[in-house]
C-alpha atoms as a PDB file:
ATOM      1  CA  UNK A   1      15.157  -5.052 -38.161  1.00  0.00           C
ATOM      2  CA  UNK A   2      13.001  -2.045 -38.331  1.00  0.00           C
ATOM      3  CA  UNK A   3      11.297  -0.241 -35.456  1.00  0.00           C
ATOM      4  CA  UNK A   4       7.557  -1.277 -36.804  1.00  0.00           C
ATOM      5  CA  UNK A   5       8.655  -5.037 -36.790  1.00  0.00           C
ATOM      6  CA  UNK A   6      10.540  -4.807 -33.322  1.00  0.00           C
ATOM      7  CA  UNK A   7       7.546  -2.924 -31.766  1.00  0.00           C
ATOM      8  CA  UNK A   8       5.087  -5.179 -33.184  1.00  0.00           C
ATOM      9  CA  UNK A   9       6.957  -8.321 -31.970  1.00  0.00           C
ATOM     10  CA  UNK A  10       7.588  -6.789 -28.633  1.00  0.00           C
ATOM     11  CA  UNK A  11       3.677  -5.919 -28.581  1.00  0.00           C
ATOM     12  CA  UNK A  12       2.831  -9.565 -29.600  1.00  0.00           C
ATOM     13  CA  UNK A  13       5.234 -10.956 -26.662  1.00  0.00           C
ATOM     14  CA  UNK A  14       3.721  -8.673 -24.208  1.00  0.00           C
ATOM     15  CA  UNK A  15      -0.040  -9.529 -25.309  1.00  0.00           C
ATOM     16  CA  UNK A  16       0.980 -13.046 -24.474  1.00  0.00           C
ATOM     17  CA  UNK A  17       2.537 -12.478 -21.105  1.00  0.00           C
ATOM     18  CA  UNK A  18      -0.496 -10.390 -20.046  1.00  0.00           C
ATOM     19  CA  UNK A  19      -3.067 -12.866 -20.775  1.00  0.00           C
ATOM     20  CA  UNK A  20      -0.834 -15.522 -19.105  1.00  0.00           C
ATOM     21  CA  UNK A  21      -0.140 -13.318 -16.226  1.00  0.00           C
ATOM     22  CA  UNK A  22      -3.919 -12.103 -15.734  1.00  0.00           C
ATOM     23  CA  UNK A  23      -5.177 -15.885 -15.967  1.00  0.00           C
ATOM     24  CA  UNK A  24      -2.420 -17.443 -14.012  1.00  0.00           C
ATOM     25  CA  UNK A  25      -3.721 -19.421 -11.063  1.00  0.00           C
ATOM     26  CA  UNK A  26      -1.606 -20.658  -8.337  1.00  0.00           C
ATOM     27  CA  UNK A  27      -3.049 -23.375  -6.254  1.00  0.00           C
ATOM     28  CA  UNK A  28      -2.796 -23.286  -2.183  1.00  0.00           C
ATOM     29  CA  UNK A  29      -3.501 -26.579  -0.384  1.00  0.00           C
ATOM     30  CA  UNK A  30      -3.692 -25.578   3.316  1.00  0.00           C
ATOM     31  CA  UNK A  31      -5.382 -27.829   6.009  1.00  0.00           C
ATOM     32  CA  UNK A  32      -9.159 -27.389   5.406  1.00  0.00           C
ATOM     33  CA  UNK A  33      -8.911 -24.459   2.739  1.00  0.00           C
ATOM     34  CA  UNK A  34      -8.125 -25.212  -0.787  1.00  0.00           C
ATOM     35  CA  UNK A  35      -7.871 -22.232  -2.999  1.00  0.00           C
ATOM     36  CA  UNK A  36      -6.402 -20.537  -6.340  1.00  0.00           C
ATOM     37  CA  UNK A  37      -5.112 -17.117  -6.615  1.00  0.00           C
ATOM     38  CA  UNK A  38      -5.075 -15.357 -10.086  1.00  0.00           C
ATOM     39  CA  UNK A  39      -3.161 -12.516 -11.242  1.00  0.00           C
ATOM     40  CA  UNK A  40       0.282 -11.479 -11.461  1.00  0.00           C
ATOM     41  CA  UNK A  41       1.887  -9.330  -9.940  1.00  0.00           C
ATOM     42  CA  UNK A  42      -1.267  -8.273  -8.196  1.00  0.00           C
ATOM     43  CA  UNK A  43      -3.627 -11.007  -6.848  1.00  0.00           C
ATOM     44  CA  UNK A  44      -7.154  -9.891  -8.304  1.00  0.00           C
ATOM     45  CA  UNK A  45      -9.439 -13.261  -7.970  1.00  0.00           C
ATOM     46  CA  UNK A  46      -9.422 -15.878  -5.455  1.00  0.00           C
ATOM     47  CA  UNK A  47     -11.227 -19.371  -6.408  1.00  0.00           C
ATOM     48  CA  UNK A  48     -12.129 -21.246  -3.296  1.00  0.00           C
ATOM     49  CA  UNK A  49     -12.357 -24.926  -3.800  1.00  0.00           C
ATOM     50  CA  UNK A  50     -12.410 -26.519  -0.350  1.00  0.00           C
ATOM     51  CA  UNK A  51     -13.263 -25.235   3.066  1.00  0.00           C
ATOM     52  CA  UNK A  52     -13.562 -27.016   6.674  1.00  0.00           C
ATOM     53  CA  UNK A  53     -17.347 -27.116   5.909  1.00  0.00           C
ATOM     54  CA  UNK A  54     -16.783 -29.023   2.673  1.00  0.00           C
ATOM     55  CA  UNK A  55     -16.384 -28.283  -1.207  1.00  0.00           C
ATOM     56  CA  UNK A  56     -17.321 -25.172  -2.268  1.00  0.00           C
ATOM     57  CA  UNK A  57     -17.014 -23.065  -5.807  1.00  0.00           C
ATOM     58  CA  UNK A  58     -16.736 -19.403  -4.878  1.00  0.00           C
ATOM     59  CA  UNK A  59     -15.022 -16.619  -6.415  1.00  0.00           C
ATOM     60  CA  UNK A  60     -13.849 -13.537  -4.804  1.00  0.00           C
ATOM     61  CA  UNK A  61     -12.498 -10.961  -7.176  1.00  0.00           C
ATOM     62  CA  UNK A  62     -10.954  -7.488  -6.280  1.00  0.00           C
ATOM     63  CA  UNK A  63     -11.874  -4.982  -8.961  1.00  0.00           C
ATOM     64  CA  UNK A  64      -9.513  -2.496  -7.791  1.00  0.00           C
ATOM     65  CA  UNK A  65      -6.503  -5.121  -8.116  1.00  0.00           C
ATOM     66  CA  UNK A  66      -7.569  -6.114 -11.521  1.00  0.00           C
ATOM     67  CA  UNK A  67      -7.713  -2.610 -12.790  1.00  0.00           C
ATOM     68  CA  UNK A  68      -4.315  -1.893 -11.398  1.00  0.00           C
ATOM     69  CA  UNK A  69      -3.014  -5.181 -12.839  1.00  0.00           C
ATOM     70  CA  UNK A  70      -4.577  -4.316 -16.380  1.00  0.00           C
ATOM     71  CA  UNK A  71      -3.008  -0.744 -16.283  1.00  0.00           C
ATOM     72  CA  UNK A  72       0.328  -2.066 -15.241  1.00  0.00           C
ATOM     73  CA  UNK A  73       0.294  -4.316 -18.327  1.00  0.00           C
ATOM     74  CA  UNK A  74      -1.052  -1.920 -20.779  1.00  0.00           C
ATOM     75  CA  UNK A  75       1.433   0.699 -19.502  1.00  0.00           C
ATOM     76  CA  UNK A  76       4.034  -1.482 -20.542  1.00  0.00           C
ATOM     77  CA  UNK A  77       2.605  -1.718 -24.116  1.00  0.00           C
ATOM     78  CA  UNK A  78       2.275   1.994 -24.443  1.00  0.00           C
ATOM     79  CA  UNK A  79       5.644   2.597 -23.428  1.00  0.00           C
ATOM     80  CA  UNK A  80       7.186   0.385 -26.430  1.00  0.00           C
ATOM     81  CA  UNK A  81       6.416   3.245 -28.429  1.00  0.00           C
ATOM     82  CA  UNK A  82       9.188   5.167 -26.568  1.00  0.00           C
ATOM     83  CA  UNK A  83      11.912   2.738 -27.418  1.00  0.00           C
ATOM     84  CA  UNK A  84      14.783   4.174 -28.965  1.00  0.00           C
ATOM     85  CA  UNK A  85      15.369   3.351 -32.851  1.00  0.00           C
ATOM     86  CA  UNK A  86      18.373   1.292 -33.619  1.00  0.00           C
ATOM     87  CA  UNK A  87      20.585   3.120 -36.010  1.00  0.00           C
ATOM     88  CA  UNK A  88      22.064   0.881 -38.868  1.00  0.00           C
END
């Protein structure tokens, strides 16, 4: 496999991983507080579903964490170009 094909394949895999990591939601069911946290490895959003008062539908988004998460994933894509080429 030549370098161009290898880099393209790795970029496609990393793109899928980045989309999955940014949109992944983990639900936490605590007494009187049900919420989902979004973002891997940095949590950038919290979707609150239920509180002690009752059902709600609120989002709390930390833009700095979202930016850092995007920078991390996009830096991985840029570093693919630095992979050493395989010699046949």
